[in-house]
Amino acid sequence: MTVISVPHAFNEEDLYVDLGPTIGQSLFLKCEGFNFAGSIKLKAATEMVESAERSGTLTEDSILVESSSGNLGVALSMIAASKGYRFLCVTDSRCNLATRLMMEALGSEVHVVSHEQGSGGLLGARLAFVRALCASDDRCVWLSQYTNADNWKAHYRRTAPAIARAFPQMDVLFVGVGTTGTLMGCARYFRAWSRSVRIVAVDSVGSAIFGGPPGRRMIPGLGMSITPPLLDETYVDEALCVEEADTVRTCRMLARRGFLFGGSTGTVVSGATRWLERHGTEGTTAVAIAPDLGERYLDTIYQSNWAQGLYGDDILVPERRRVG
């Protein structure tokens, strides 16, 4: 029996889905959405907040401020409510309505940026707002998930060791990328592990993380319009990009088999399936990290009019397996 007194004390580490029967490839999916924040971002949020508390940066009079496309905002909202902090999340128009309402229900303030700022896009506009806010009020504490080493350390200390315990013979790990905190924490851990593990980063088309031109991205979570400061490509063996239409198809295909996952998970599974089809899986132990669940995407990815309007009518055509 597990008994907790604060919501961030619980995170399910040992749940995996064998996707073999679903996608026709040998792939184990580490499900990170079964905590009170509903995503893997709870780990980074907890690590960053508690580190700021230990250093004295965060005090009872502080106002937490962060830029987030959604999931980290929910995690910080939950922690702030539990610990008694004020929290302001700066997000943008791509943030799902359910996510914004969840943050507000937890007592947070939400500021939505709707206009891009130069080549930095919506992210650049969000960061500019955060910087201006912090400059105007010295009570504001910006954790800066994009540059904060505690972001990747959370996964070096928790996510990667949990995977290593579950799959001591793992050959390849697929990790979705945004701030690259999960990627860098896991990659650093497995670089020093006794067994060689191939690290494959999965990004979204339209993301500039690995040097490509920034483009339209409608699904929040993975991808960035800039190269993240946390990224060290020397730890990454391979990077691949997934079209958003394939993300939607994958999410909807998994849902038809009873697994309602979020957009970030759909992207990772789509990319991993394509990679495994190309390289083969015989004798290979492959694991992918599923950052989120699907309830927050009911009015986007799982809403037929939204999907058709952005990606065309054939996005709804049922297929036995179309993920790459």
C-alpha atoms as a PDB file:
ATOM      1  CA  MET A   1       0.000   0.000   0.000  1.00  0.00           C
ATOM      2  CA  THR A   2       1.263   3.464  -0.920  1.00  0.00           C
ATOM      3  CA  VAL A   3       0.287   6.378   1.348  1.00  0.00           C
ATOM      4  CA  ILE A   4       1.337   9.953   0.531  1.00  0.00           C
ATOM      5  CA  SER A   5       0.663  13.375   2.028  1.00  0.00           C
ATOM      6  CA  VAL A   6       1.761  15.569  -0.905  1.00  0.00           C
ATOM      7  CA  PRO A   7       0.829  14.936  -4.556  1.00  0.00           C
ATOM      8  CA  HIS A   8       4.368  15.024  -5.960  1.00  0.00           C
ATOM      9  CA  ALA A   9       5.446  12.170  -3.672  1.00  0.00           C
ATOM     10  CA  PHE A  10       3.966   9.600  -6.042  1.00  0.00           C
ATOM     11  CA  ASN A  11       5.168   8.646  -9.512  1.00  0.00           C
ATOM     12  CA  GLU A  12       4.606   5.251 -11.128  1.00  0.00           C
ATOM     13  CA  GLU A  13       8.023   4.048 -12.337  1.00  0.00           C
ATOM     14  CA  ASP A  14       7.430   0.419 -13.241  1.00  0.00           C
ATOM     15  CA  LEU A  15       4.573   0.427 -15.757  1.00  0.00           C
ATOM     16  CA  TYR A  16       5.434  -0.610 -19.319  1.00  0.00           C
ATOM     17  CA  VAL A  17       3.243  -1.472 -22.294  1.00  0.00           C
ATOM     18  CA  ASP A  18       4.365  -4.185 -24.704  1.00  0.00           C
ATOM     19  CA  LEU A  19       3.412  -2.588 -28.025  1.00  0.00           C
ATOM     20  CA  GLY A  20       4.370  -5.651 -30.066  1.00  0.00           C
ATOM     21  CA  PRO A  21       0.801  -6.870 -30.632  1.00  0.00           C
ATOM     22  CA  THR A  22      -0.319  -3.319 -31.473  1.00  0.00           C
ATOM     23  CA  ILE A  23       2.357  -2.043 -33.863  1.00  0.00           C
ATOM     24  CA  GLY A  24       3.895  -5.275 -35.107  1.00  0.00           C
ATOM     25  CA  GLN A  25       7.343  -4.365 -33.762  1.00  0.00           C
ATOM     26  CA  SER A  26       9.065  -5.282 -30.504  1.00  0.00           C
ATOM     27  CA  LEU A  27       8.844  -2.107 -28.409  1.00  0.00           C
ATOM     28  CA  PHE A  28       8.292  -1.528 -24.693  1.00  0.00           C
ATOM     29  CA  LEU A  29       6.706   1.788 -23.754  1.00  0.00           C
ATOM     30  CA  LYS A  30       7.540   3.306 -20.354  1.00  0.00           C
ATOM     31  CA  CYS A  31       4.360   5.064 -19.233  1.00  0.00           C
ATOM     32  CA  GLU A  32       5.131   8.261 -17.326  1.00  0.00           C
ATOM     33  CA  GLY A  33       1.643   9.740 -17.119  1.00  0.00           C
ATOM     34  CA  PHE A  34       0.360   7.939 -14.034  1.00  0.00           C
ATOM     35  CA  ASN A  35       1.012  10.572 -11.398  1.00  0.00           C
ATOM     36  CA  PHE A  36      -1.032  13.505 -10.136  1.00  0.00           C
ATOM     37  CA  ALA A  37       0.443  15.850 -12.759  1.00  0.00           C
ATOM     38  CA  GLY A  38      -0.273  13.411 -15.579  1.00  0.00           C
ATOM     39  CA  SER A  39       3.113  13.574 -17.291  1.00  0.00           C
ATOM     40  CA  ILE A  40       6.855  13.020 -16.978  1.00  0.00           C
ATOM     41  CA  LYS A  41       7.260  16.739 -16.270  1.00  0.00           C
ATOM     42  CA  LEU A  42       6.500  16.105 -12.595  1.00  0.00           C
ATOM     43  CA  LYS A  43      10.068  14.849 -12.143  1.00  0.00           C
ATOM     44  CA  ALA A  44      11.745  17.935 -13.570  1.00  0.00           C
ATOM     45  CA  ALA A  45       9.338  20.261 -11.770  1.00  0.00           C
ATOM     46  CA  THR A  46       9.994  18.616  -8.406  1.00  0.00           C
ATOM     47  CA  GLU A  47      13.759  18.617  -8.888  1.00  0.00           C
ATOM     48  CA  MET A  48      13.887  22.277  -9.954  1.00  0.00           C
ATOM     49  CA  VAL A  49      11.610  23.530  -7.175  1.00  0.00           C
ATOM     50  CA  GLU A  50      13.348  21.608  -4.407  1.00  0.00           C
ATOM     51  CA  SER A  51      16.786  22.640  -5.645  1.00  0.00           C
ATOM     52  CA  ALA A  52      15.681  26.291  -5.641  1.00  0.00           C
ATOM     53  CA  GLU A  53      14.394  25.848  -2.098  1.00  0.00           C
ATOM     54  CA  ARG A  54      17.677  24.328  -0.924  1.00  0.00           C
ATOM     55  CA  SER A  55      19.692  27.177  -2.461  1.00  0.00           C
ATOM     56  CA  GLY A  56      17.461  29.823  -0.892  1.00  0.00           C
ATOM     57  CA  THR A  57      16.417  31.193  -4.284  1.00  0.00           C
ATOM     58  CA  LEU A  58      12.820  30.224  -3.631  1.00  0.00           C
ATOM     59  CA  THR A  59      11.251  31.546  -0.427  1.00  0.00           C
ATOM     60  CA  GLU A  60       7.734  31.788   0.949  1.00  0.00           C
ATOM     61  CA  ASP A  61       7.368  35.277  -0.569  1.00  0.00           C
ATOM     62  CA  SER A  62       8.451  34.189  -4.051  1.00  0.00           C
ATOM     63  CA  ILE A  63       6.259  34.045  -7.121  1.00  0.00           C
ATOM     64  CA  LEU A  64       7.126  31.107  -9.342  1.00  0.00           C
ATOM     65  CA  VAL A  65       7.201  31.994 -13.043  1.00  0.00           C
ATOM     66  CA  GLU A  66       7.731  29.605 -15.932  1.00  0.00           C
ATOM     67  CA  SER A  67       7.212  29.347 -19.673  1.00  0.00           C
ATOM     68  CA  SER A  68       5.493  26.099 -20.643  1.00  0.00           C
ATOM     69  CA  SER A  69       3.481  24.639 -23.494  1.00  0.00           C
ATOM     70  CA  GLY A  70       1.407  22.809 -20.910  1.00  0.00           C
ATOM     71  CA  ASN A  71       2.653  19.754 -19.034  1.00  0.00           C
ATOM     72  CA  LEU A  72       5.362  21.431 -16.964  1.00  0.00           C
ATOM     73  CA  GLY A  73       2.869  24.173 -16.167  1.00  0.00           C
ATOM     74  CA  VAL A  74       0.465  21.609 -14.739  1.00  0.00           C
ATOM     75  CA  ALA A  75       3.229  19.949 -12.718  1.00  0.00           C
ATOM     76  CA  LEU A  76       4.397  23.273 -11.279  1.00  0.00           C
ATOM     77  CA  SER A  77       0.788  24.288 -10.575  1.00  0.00           C
ATOM     78  CA  MET A  78       0.300  21.126  -8.544  1.00  0.00           C
ATOM     79  CA  ILE A  79       3.542  21.566  -6.607  1.00  0.00           C
ATOM     80  CA  ALA A  80       2.895  25.277  -6.016  1.00  0.00           C
ATOM     81  CA  ALA A  81      -0.576  24.497  -4.670  1.00  0.00           C
ATOM     82  CA  SER A  82       0.849  21.830  -2.373  1.00  0.00           C
ATOM     83  CA  LYS A  83       3.659  24.026  -1.067  1.00  0.00           C
ATOM     84  CA  GLY A  84       1.730  27.306  -0.899  1.00  0.00           C
ATOM     85  CA  TYR A  85       3.505  29.274  -3.642  1.00  0.00           C
ATOM     86  CA  ARG A  86       1.964  31.603  -6.176  1.00  0.00           C
ATOM     87  CA  PHE A  87       2.621  30.435  -9.724  1.00  0.00           C
ATOM     88  CA  LEU A  88       2.253  32.198 -13.065  1.00  0.00           C
ATOM     89  CA  CYS A  89       2.511  30.070 -16.187  1.00  0.00           C
ATOM     90  CA  VAL A  90       3.284  31.820 -19.467  1.00  0.00           C
ATOM     91  CA  THR A  91       2.005  29.689 -22.323  1.00  0.00           C
ATOM     92  CA  ASP A  92       0.820  30.246 -25.893  1.00  0.00           C
ATOM     93  CA  SER A  93      -2.211  29.702 -28.082  1.00  0.00           C
ATOM     94  CA  ARG A  94      -1.265  26.084 -28.829  1.00  0.00           C
ATOM     95  CA  CYS A  95      -1.770  25.081 -25.201  1.00  0.00           C
ATOM     96  CA  ASN A  96      -4.803  22.796 -24.883  1.00  0.00           C
ATOM     97  CA  LEU A  97      -7.877  24.273 -23.220  1.00  0.00           C
ATOM     98  CA  ALA A  98      -8.046  21.382 -20.756  1.00  0.00           C
ATOM     99  CA  THR A  99      -4.470  22.087 -19.700  1.00  0.00           C
ATOM    100  CA  ARG A 100      -5.137  25.782 -19.099  1.00  0.00           C
ATOM    101  CA  LEU A 101      -8.261  25.000 -17.104  1.00  0.00           C
ATOM    102  CA  MET A 102      -6.365  22.447 -15.040  1.00  0.00           C
ATOM    103  CA  MET A 103      -3.682  24.986 -14.109  1.00  0.00           C
ATOM    104  CA  GLU A 104      -6.325  27.519 -13.127  1.00  0.00           C
ATOM    105  CA  ALA A 105      -8.212  24.905 -11.098  1.00  0.00           C
ATOM    106  CA  LEU A 106      -4.999  24.342  -9.128  1.00  0.00           C
ATOM    107  CA  GLY A 107      -4.864  28.051  -8.322  1.00  0.00           C
ATOM    108  CA  SER A 108      -2.297  29.218 -10.855  1.00  0.00           C
ATOM    109  CA  GLU A 109      -2.425  32.292 -13.050  1.00  0.00           C
ATOM    110  CA  VAL A 110      -2.099  31.640 -16.788  1.00  0.00           C
ATOM    111  CA  HIS A 111      -0.932  34.196 -19.335  1.00  0.00           C
ATOM    112  CA  VAL A 112      -1.458  33.209 -22.980  1.00  0.00           C
ATOM    113  CA  VAL A 113       0.842  34.669 -25.640  1.00  0.00           C
ATOM    114  CA  SER A 114      -0.834  34.753 -29.057  1.00  0.00           C
ATOM    115  CA  HIS A 115       1.646  36.626 -31.275  1.00  0.00           C
ATOM    116  CA  GLU A 116       5.072  35.429 -32.370  1.00  0.00           C
ATOM    117  CA  GLN A 117       8.204  37.455 -31.734  1.00  0.00           C
ATOM    118  CA  GLY A 118      10.543  37.512 -34.725  1.00  0.00           C
ATOM    119  CA  SER A 119      12.428  34.332 -35.544  1.00  0.00           C
ATOM    120  CA  GLY A 120      11.879  33.089 -31.991  1.00  0.00           C
ATOM    121  CA  GLY A 121       8.204  32.414 -32.705  1.00  0.00           C
ATOM    122  CA  LEU A 122       5.745  31.909 -29.879  1.00  0.00           C
ATOM    123  CA  LEU A 123       8.490  30.597 -27.590  1.00  0.00           C
ATOM    124  CA  GLY A 124      10.464  33.800 -28.106  1.00  0.00           C
ATOM    125  CA  ALA A 125       7.392  35.813 -27.175  1.00  0.00           C
ATOM    126  CA  ARG A 126       6.839  33.719 -24.065  1.00  0.00           C
ATOM    127  CA  LEU A 127      10.433  34.135 -22.925  1.00  0.00           C
ATOM    128  CA  ALA A 128      10.353  37.889 -23.562  1.00  0.00           C
ATOM    129  CA  PHE A 129       7.252  38.175 -21.369  1.00  0.00           C
ATOM    130  CA  VAL A 130       8.882  36.145 -18.583  1.00  0.00           C
ATOM    131  CA  ARG A 131      12.044  38.256 -18.677  1.00  0.00           C
ATOM    132  CA  ALA A 132      10.049  41.497 -18.540  1.00  0.00           C
ATOM    133  CA  LEU A 133       7.986  40.187 -15.646  1.00  0.00           C
ATOM    134  CA  CYS A 134      11.058  39.169 -13.648  1.00  0.00           C
ATOM    135  CA  ALA A 135      12.693  42.530 -14.318  1.00  0.00           C
ATOM    136  CA  SER A 136       9.630  44.348 -12.985  1.00  0.00           C
ATOM    137  CA  ASP A 137       9.165  42.334  -9.781  1.00  0.00           C
ATOM    138  CA  ASP A 138      12.059  40.925  -7.750  1.00  0.00           C
ATOM    139  CA  ARG A 139       9.735  38.445  -6.052  1.00  0.00           C
ATOM    140  CA  CYS A 140       9.540  36.487  -9.319  1.00  0.00           C
ATOM    141  CA  VAL A 141      11.652  33.334  -9.521  1.00  0.00           C
ATOM    142  CA  TRP A 142      12.066  31.883 -13.016  1.00  0.00           C
ATOM    143  CA  LEU A 143      13.130  28.239 -12.866  1.00  0.00           C
ATOM    144  CA  SER A 144      13.988  28.300 -16.606  1.00  0.00           C
ATOM    145  CA  GLN A 145      13.418  24.713 -17.655  1.00  0.00           C
ATOM    146  CA  TYR A 146      15.361  25.455 -20.859  1.00  0.00           C
ATOM    147  CA  THR A 147      18.665  26.137 -19.085  1.00  0.00           C
ATOM    148  CA  ASN A 148      18.244  24.568 -15.644  1.00  0.00           C
ATOM    149  CA  ALA A 149      20.546  21.555 -15.143  1.00  0.00           C
ATOM    150  CA  ASP A 150      18.129  20.170 -12.555  1.00  0.00           C
ATOM    151  CA  ASN A 151      15.817  19.451 -15.494  1.00  0.00           C
ATOM    152  CA  TRP A 152      18.112  16.737 -16.881  1.00  0.00           C
ATOM    153  CA  LYS A 153      19.399  15.675 -13.471  1.00  0.00           C
ATOM    154  CA  ALA A 154      15.879  14.552 -12.530  1.00  0.00           C
ATOM    155  CA  HIS A 155      16.015  11.947 -15.299  1.00  0.00           C
ATOM    156  CA  TYR A 156      19.644  11.010 -14.659  1.00  0.00           C
ATOM    157  CA  ARG A 157      18.682  10.235 -11.065  1.00  0.00           C
ATOM    158  CA  ARG A 158      15.262   8.651 -11.586  1.00  0.00           C
ATOM    159  CA  THR A 159      14.043   7.858 -15.105  1.00  0.00           C
ATOM    160  CA  ALA A 160      17.184   6.277 -16.542  1.00  0.00           C
ATOM    161  CA  PRO A 161      18.001   4.083 -13.503  1.00  0.00           C
ATOM    162  CA  ALA A 162      14.399   2.827 -13.472  1.00  0.00           C
ATOM    163  CA  ILE A 163      14.695   1.790 -17.137  1.00  0.00           C
ATOM    164  CA  ALA A 164      18.081   0.166 -16.491  1.00  0.00           C
ATOM    165  CA  ARG A 165      16.616  -1.913 -13.660  1.00  0.00           C
ATOM    166  CA  ALA A 166      13.683  -3.048 -15.796  1.00  0.00           C
ATOM    167  CA  PHE A 167      15.676  -3.748 -18.984  1.00  0.00           C
ATOM    168  CA  PRO A 168      19.292  -4.628 -18.177  1.00  0.00           C
ATOM    169  CA  GLN A 169      19.718  -5.917 -21.756  1.00  0.00           C
ATOM    170  CA  MET A 170      18.303  -2.830 -23.484  1.00  0.00           C
ATOM    171  CA  ASP A 171      19.815  -2.017 -26.894  1.00  0.00           C
ATOM    172  CA  VAL A 172      18.028   1.168 -27.991  1.00  0.00           C
ATOM    173  CA  LEU A 173      16.113   3.923 -26.199  1.00  0.00           C
ATOM    174  CA  PHE A 174      13.739   6.350 -27.943  1.00  0.00           C
ATOM    175  CA  VAL A 175      13.248   9.718 -26.233  1.00  0.00           C
ATOM    176  CA  GLY A 176      11.072  12.614 -27.367  1.00  0.00           C
ATOM    177  CA  VAL A 177      12.710  16.037 -27.287  1.00  0.00           C
ATOM    178  CA  GLY A 178      11.562  19.480 -26.191  1.00  0.00           C
ATOM    179  CA  THR A 179      13.801  21.162 -23.637  1.00  0.00           C
ATOM    180  CA  THR A 180      15.880  17.939 -24.005  1.00  0.00           C
ATOM    181  CA  GLY A 181      15.922  17.448 -20.238  1.00  0.00           C
ATOM    182  CA  THR A 182      14.682  13.845 -20.438  1.00  0.00           C
ATOM    183  CA  LEU A 183      16.988  13.116 -23.365  1.00  0.00           C
ATOM    184  CA  MET A 184      20.134  14.500 -21.755  1.00  0.00           C
ATOM    185  CA  GLY A 185      19.504  12.916 -18.363  1.00  0.00           C
ATOM    186  CA  CYS A 186      18.945   9.481 -19.880  1.00  0.00           C
ATOM    187  CA  ALA A 187      21.731   9.821 -22.454  1.00  0.00           C
ATOM    188  CA  ARG A 188      24.278  10.848 -19.825  1.00  0.00           C
ATOM    189  CA  TYR A 189      23.282   7.955 -17.598  1.00  0.00           C
ATOM    190  CA  PHE A 190      23.482   5.308 -20.311  1.00  0.00           C
ATOM    191  CA  ARG A 191      26.745   6.676 -21.699  1.00  0.00           C
ATOM    192  CA  ALA A 192      28.343   5.636 -18.398  1.00  0.00           C
ATOM    193  CA  TRP A 193      26.403   2.348 -18.145  1.00  0.00           C
ATOM    194  CA  SER A 194      28.137  -0.986 -18.539  1.00  0.00           C
ATOM    195  CA  ARG A 195      26.070  -1.895 -21.609  1.00  0.00           C
ATOM    196  CA  SER A 196      26.136   0.129 -24.829  1.00  0.00           C
ATOM    197  CA  VAL A 197      22.731   1.689 -25.542  1.00  0.00           C
ATOM    198  CA  ARG A 198      21.814   3.510 -28.731  1.00  0.00           C
ATOM    199  CA  ILE A 199      20.055   6.800 -27.950  1.00  0.00           C
ATOM    200  CA  VAL A 200      17.544   7.918 -30.590  1.00  0.00           C
ATOM    201  CA  ALA A 201      15.993  11.373 -30.184  1.00  0.00           C
ATOM    202  CA  VAL A 202      12.503  11.833 -31.646  1.00  0.00           C
ATOM    203  CA  ASP A 203      11.526  15.356 -32.701  1.00  0.00           C
ATOM    204  CA  SER A 204       8.626  16.961 -34.563  1.00  0.00           C
ATOM    205  CA  VAL A 205       8.828  18.309 -38.105  1.00  0.00           C
ATOM    206  CA  GLY A 206       8.901  22.102 -37.794  1.00  0.00           C
ATOM    207  CA  SER A 207      11.174  21.978 -34.751  1.00  0.00           C
ATOM    208  CA  ALA A 208      14.612  23.609 -34.857  1.00  0.00           C
ATOM    209  CA  ILE A 209      16.179  21.533 -32.076  1.00  0.00           C
ATOM    210  CA  PHE A 210      18.657  19.775 -34.358  1.00  0.00           C
ATOM    211  CA  GLY A 211      19.251  22.688 -36.711  1.00  0.00           C
ATOM    212  CA  GLY A 212      16.320  22.442 -39.101  1.00  0.00           C
ATOM    213  CA  PRO A 213      14.245  25.496 -40.042  1.00  0.00           C
ATOM    214  CA  PRO A 214      11.420  26.294 -37.609  1.00  0.00           C
ATOM    215  CA  GLY A 215       7.950  25.722 -39.022  1.00  0.00           C
ATOM    216  CA  ARG A 216       4.323  25.413 -38.030  1.00  0.00           C
ATOM    217  CA  ARG A 217       3.683  23.083 -35.099  1.00  0.00           C
ATOM    218  CA  MET A 218       0.164  22.747 -33.720  1.00  0.00           C
ATOM    219  CA  ILE A 219       0.658  19.980 -31.149  1.00  0.00           C
ATOM    220  CA  PRO A 220       2.254  21.188 -27.897  1.00  0.00           C
ATOM    221  CA  GLY A 221       4.895  19.213 -26.068  1.00  0.00           C
ATOM    222  CA  LEU A 222       7.791  18.159 -28.259  1.00  0.00           C
ATOM    223  CA  GLY A 223       9.908  20.415 -30.451  1.00  0.00           C
ATOM    224  CA  MET A 224      11.249  23.942 -30.040  1.00  0.00           C
ATOM    225  CA  SER A 225      11.814  26.899 -32.329  1.00  0.00           C
ATOM    226  CA  ILE A 226      15.429  27.165 -31.136  1.00  0.00           C
ATOM    227  CA  THR A 227      18.239  24.774 -30.212  1.00  0.00           C
ATOM    228  CA  PRO A 228      17.827  24.106 -26.459  1.00  0.00           C
ATOM    229  CA  PRO A 229      20.759  25.245 -24.300  1.00  0.00           C
ATOM    230  CA  LEU A 230      20.671  21.892 -22.462  1.00  0.00           C
ATOM    231  CA  LEU A 231      21.322  19.877 -25.621  1.00  0.00           C
ATOM    232  CA  ASP A 232      24.717  18.224 -26.098  1.00  0.00           C
ATOM    233  CA  GLU A 233      24.524  16.310 -29.381  1.00  0.00           C
ATOM    234  CA  THR A 234      27.618  14.261 -28.577  1.00  0.00           C
ATOM    235  CA  TYR A 235      25.392  12.111 -26.355  1.00  0.00           C
ATOM    236  CA  VAL A 236      22.846  11.457 -29.133  1.00  0.00           C
ATOM    237  CA  ASP A 237      23.406   8.636 -31.619  1.00  0.00           C
ATOM    238  CA  GLU A 238      20.591   9.551 -33.972  1.00  0.00           C
ATOM    239  CA  ALA A 239      17.770  12.075 -34.337  1.00  0.00           C
ATOM    240  CA  LEU A 240      14.631  11.705 -36.423  1.00  0.00           C
ATOM    241  CA  CYS A 241      11.626  13.917 -37.083  1.00  0.00           C
ATOM    242  CA  VAL A 242       7.960  12.946 -37.248  1.00  0.00           C
ATOM    243  CA  GLU A 243       5.238  14.745 -39.194  1.00  0.00           C
ATOM    244  CA  GLU A 244       2.374  15.923 -37.006  1.00  0.00           C
ATOM    245  CA  ALA A 245      -0.084  14.062 -39.224  1.00  0.00           C
ATOM    246  CA  ASP A 246       1.718  10.834 -38.301  1.00  0.00           C
ATOM    247  CA  THR A 247       1.511  11.794 -34.632  1.00  0.00           C
ATOM    248  CA  VAL A 248      -2.246  12.163 -34.951  1.00  0.00           C
ATOM    249  CA  ARG A 249      -2.602   8.870 -36.844  1.00  0.00           C
ATOM    250  CA  THR A 250      -0.532   7.039 -34.248  1.00  0.00           C
ATOM    251  CA  CYS A 251      -2.455   8.478 -31.291  1.00  0.00           C
ATOM    252  CA  ARG A 252      -5.781   7.591 -32.863  1.00  0.00           C
ATOM    253  CA  MET A 253      -4.581   4.101 -33.818  1.00  0.00           C
ATOM    254  CA  LEU A 254      -3.426   3.436 -30.245  1.00  0.00           C
ATOM    255  CA  ALA A 255      -6.731   4.745 -28.899  1.00  0.00           C
ATOM    256  CA  ARG A 256      -8.625   2.268 -31.087  1.00  0.00           C
ATOM    257  CA  ARG A 257      -6.732  -0.427 -29.208  1.00  0.00           C
ATOM    258  CA  GLY A 258      -7.573   1.022 -25.808  1.00  0.00           C
ATOM    259  CA  PHE A 259      -4.453   3.127 -25.126  1.00  0.00           C
ATOM    260  CA  LEU A 260      -5.279   6.842 -24.911  1.00  0.00           C
ATOM    261  CA  PHE A 261      -1.916   8.595 -25.069  1.00  0.00           C
ATOM    262  CA  GLY A 262      -0.933  12.225 -25.581  1.00  0.00           C
ATOM    263  CA  GLY A 263       0.665  13.937 -28.532  1.00  0.00           C
ATOM    264  CA  SER A 264       4.226  13.594 -27.283  1.00  0.00           C
ATOM    265  CA  THR A 265       3.768   9.864 -26.828  1.00  0.00           C
ATOM    266  CA  GLY A 266       2.224   9.531 -30.282  1.00  0.00           C
ATOM    267  CA  THR A 267       5.238  11.254 -31.805  1.00  0.00           C
ATOM    268  CA  VAL A 268       7.701   8.998 -29.988  1.00  0.00           C
ATOM    269  CA  VAL A 269       5.839   5.811 -30.913  1.00  0.00           C
ATOM    270  CA  SER A 270       5.546   6.913 -34.548  1.00  0.00           C
ATOM    271  CA  GLY A 271       9.264   7.642 -34.785  1.00  0.00           C
ATOM    272  CA  ALA A 272      10.273   4.477 -32.940  1.00  0.00           C
ATOM    273  CA  THR A 273       8.082   2.297 -35.146  1.00  0.00           C
ATOM    274  CA  ARG A 274       9.543   3.792 -38.302  1.00  0.00           C
ATOM    275  CA  TRP A 275      13.087   3.276 -36.984  1.00  0.00           C
ATOM    276  CA  LEU A 276      12.397  -0.332 -36.010  1.00  0.00           C
ATOM    277  CA  GLU A 277      10.827  -1.089 -39.374  1.00  0.00           C
ATOM    278  CA  ARG A 278      13.962   0.203 -41.047  1.00  0.00           C
ATOM    279  CA  HIS A 279      16.476  -1.535 -38.774  1.00  0.00           C
ATOM    280  CA  GLY A 280      14.622  -4.672 -37.748  1.00  0.00           C
ATOM    281  CA  THR A 281      13.958  -5.853 -34.203  1.00  0.00           C
ATOM    282  CA  GLU A 282      15.085  -9.473 -34.125  1.00  0.00           C
ATOM    283  CA  GLY A 283      17.078  -9.908 -30.934  1.00  0.00           C
ATOM    284  CA  THR A 284      16.809  -6.171 -30.140  1.00  0.00           C
ATOM    285  CA  THR A 285      15.429  -4.862 -26.857  1.00  0.00           C
ATOM    286  CA  ALA A 286      13.872  -1.469 -27.591  1.00  0.00           C
ATOM    287  CA  VAL A 287      12.293   0.902 -25.070  1.00  0.00           C
ATOM    288  CA  ALA A 288      10.510   4.210 -25.659  1.00  0.00           C
ATOM    289  CA  ILE A 289       9.486   6.807 -23.087  1.00  0.00           C
ATOM    290  CA  ALA A 290       5.799   7.843 -23.141  1.00  0.00           C
ATOM    291  CA  PRO A 291       5.708  11.301 -21.536  1.00  0.00           C
ATOM    292  CA  ASP A 292       1.950  11.864 -21.378  1.00  0.00           C
ATOM    293  CA  LEU A 293      -1.600  10.541 -21.490  1.00  0.00           C
ATOM    294  CA  GLY A 294      -4.351  11.601 -23.853  1.00  0.00           C
ATOM    295  CA  GLU A 295      -7.133  13.243 -21.829  1.00  0.00           C
ATOM    296  CA  ARG A 296      -5.754  16.743 -22.460  1.00  0.00           C
ATOM    297  CA  TYR A 297      -5.885  16.169 -26.221  1.00  0.00           C
ATOM    298  CA  LEU A 298      -9.565  15.287 -26.495  1.00  0.00           C
ATOM    299  CA  ASP A 299     -10.388  18.651 -28.092  1.00  0.00           C
ATOM    300  CA  THR A 300      -7.449  18.496 -30.529  1.00  0.00           C
ATOM    301  CA  ILE A 301      -5.867  15.221 -31.649  1.00  0.00           C
ATOM    302  CA  TYR A 302      -8.971  13.183 -30.816  1.00  0.00           C
ATOM    303  CA  GLN A 303     -11.429  15.783 -32.131  1.00  0.00           C
ATOM    304  CA  SER A 304     -12.198  14.880 -35.748  1.00  0.00           C
ATOM    305  CA  ASN A 305     -12.988  18.389 -37.006  1.00  0.00           C
ATOM    306  CA  TRP A 306      -9.752  19.754 -35.556  1.00  0.00           C
ATOM    307  CA  ALA A 307      -7.684  16.965 -37.097  1.00  0.00           C
ATOM    308  CA  GLN A 308      -9.373  17.189 -40.505  1.00  0.00           C
ATOM    309  CA  GLY A 309      -9.075  20.956 -40.627  1.00  0.00           C
ATOM    310  CA  LEU A 310      -5.314  20.839 -40.124  1.00  0.00           C
ATOM    311  CA  TYR A 311      -4.239  17.601 -41.790  1.00  0.00           C
ATOM    312  CA  GLY A 312      -6.918  16.714 -44.348  1.00  0.00           C
ATOM    313  CA  ASP A 313      -9.742  14.219 -44.579  1.00  0.00           C
ATOM    314  CA  ASP A 314      -7.553  11.116 -44.857  1.00  0.00           C
ATOM    315  CA  ILE A 315      -6.261  11.700 -41.336  1.00  0.00           C
ATOM    316  CA  LEU A 316      -9.402   9.872 -40.140  1.00  0.00           C
ATOM    317  CA  VAL A 317      -9.122   6.881 -42.460  1.00  0.00           C
ATOM    318  CA  PRO A 318      -8.728   3.837 -40.189  1.00  0.00           C
ATOM    319  CA  GLU A 319      -5.581   1.866 -40.904  1.00  0.00           C
ATOM    320  CA  ARG A 320      -4.308  -1.331 -39.401  1.00  0.00           C
ATOM    321  CA  ARG A 321      -0.892   0.232 -38.857  1.00  0.00           C
ATOM    322  CA  ARG A 322       0.231   3.533 -40.290  1.00  0.00           C
ATOM    323  CA  VAL A 323       2.816   5.138 -38.031  1.00  0.00           C
ATOM    324  CA  GLY A 324       5.718   6.438 -40.074  1.00  0.00           C
END
